[in-house]
Amino acid sequence: MNDRFFKENFEKTAKLTKREREIVGLLSQGMSNNEIAAFSYTSIRTVHKHRRHIKEKLGTQSFYDLLQFTEVFDLTNKENNT
């Protein structure tokens, strides 16, 4: 299943900016919008904007959908956030 998901969604994921990938990783670690804003030195409004762009680019409808992208494309960024 993951191979099929990877092939079907590679181009979508490739469209994410570096910052959007970072936001996805932080979300997957359970950080709130406020925590992400503080961590990334941006405003809460900017975090909302990034989340909207991520949702549009990936076509996700739920947090579960986003987590699937995170797992298959290794977007957790855990090594960068410790």
Protein backbone atom coordinates (compact mmCIF):
# COMPACT_ATOMS: atom_id res chain seq x y z
CA MET A 1 0.00 0.00 0.00
CA ASN A 2 2.76 2.47 0.87
CA ASP A 3 4.46 1.95 -2.51
CA ARG A 4 1.24 2.74 -4.32
CA PHE A 5 0.56 5.77 -2.10
CA PHE A 6 4.14 6.97 -2.69
CA LYS A 7 3.85 6.72 -6.46
CA GLU A 8 0.44 8.40 -6.54
CA ASN A 9 1.45 11.30 -4.30
CA PHE A 10 5.13 11.94 -4.97
CA GLU A 11 4.48 14.98 -7.18
CA LYS A 12 2.14 16.51 -4.60
CA THR A 13 4.72 16.16 -1.84
CA ALA A 14 7.48 17.54 -4.06
CA LYS A 15 5.50 20.79 -4.31
CA LEU A 16 5.83 21.48 -0.57
CA THR A 17 8.31 24.17 0.38
CA LYS A 18 11.00 23.54 2.96
CA ARG A 19 9.00 25.50 5.55
CA GLU A 20 5.81 23.58 4.75
CA ARG A 21 7.69 20.30 5.22
CA GLU A 22 8.91 21.58 8.57
CA ILE A 23 5.35 22.47 9.60
CA VAL A 24 4.09 19.01 8.60
CA GLY A 25 6.82 17.43 10.70
CA LEU A 26 5.99 19.55 13.73
CA LEU A 27 2.27 18.79 13.38
CA SER A 28 3.01 15.09 13.22
CA GLN A 29 4.85 15.39 16.52
CA GLY A 30 1.71 16.77 18.14
CA MET A 31 2.68 20.44 18.31
CA SER A 32 -0.12 22.99 18.37
CA ASN A 33 -0.28 25.98 16.03
CA ASN A 34 0.90 28.23 18.86
CA GLU A 35 3.84 25.95 19.63
CA ILE A 36 4.80 25.80 15.96
CA ALA A 37 4.67 29.58 15.69
CA ALA A 38 6.97 29.97 18.69
CA PHE A 39 9.31 27.20 17.53
CA SER A 40 9.63 28.56 13.99
CA TYR A 41 9.71 32.25 15.00
CA THR A 42 6.61 33.08 12.95
CA SER A 43 3.17 34.39 13.73
CA ILE A 44 0.17 32.17 14.33
CA ARG A 45 -1.37 33.69 11.20
CA THR A 46 1.63 32.50 9.16
CA VAL A 47 1.26 28.99 10.57
CA HIS A 48 -2.42 28.98 9.54
CA LYS A 49 -1.41 30.13 6.06
CA HIS A 50 1.16 27.34 5.76
CA ARG A 51 -1.38 24.77 6.95
CA ARG A 52 -3.88 25.96 4.34
CA HIS A 53 -1.26 25.69 1.58
CA ILE A 54 -0.23 22.22 2.78
CA LYS A 55 -3.85 21.05 2.74
CA GLU A 56 -4.35 22.43 -0.77
CA LYS A 57 -1.13 20.98 -2.18
CA LEU A 58 -1.61 17.53 -0.69
CA GLY A 59 -5.37 17.40 -1.03
CA THR A 60 -5.76 16.25 2.57
CA GLN A 61 -9.08 16.43 4.37
CA SER A 62 -8.09 15.18 7.80
CA PHE A 63 -5.19 14.97 10.21
CA TYR A 64 -5.06 11.23 9.52
CA ASP A 65 -4.49 11.95 5.81
CA LEU A 66 -1.66 14.30 6.73
CA LEU A 67 -0.09 11.67 8.99
CA GLN A 68 -0.12 9.21 6.11
CA PHE A 69 1.98 11.62 4.03
CA THR A 70 4.25 12.16 7.02
CA GLU A 71 4.89 8.45 7.43
CA VAL A 72 5.30 7.51 3.76
CA PHE A 73 7.48 10.49 2.84
CA ASP A 74 9.38 10.64 6.16
CA LEU A 75 8.40 14.25 6.96
CA THR A 76 8.76 13.97 10.73
CA ASN A 77 12.02 15.97 10.94
CA LYS A 78 12.62 14.52 14.40
CA GLU A 79 16.38 14.98 14.12
CA ASN A 80 15.89 18.71 13.52
CA ASN A 81 13.46 19.29 16.38
CA THR A 82 15.19 17.80 19.39
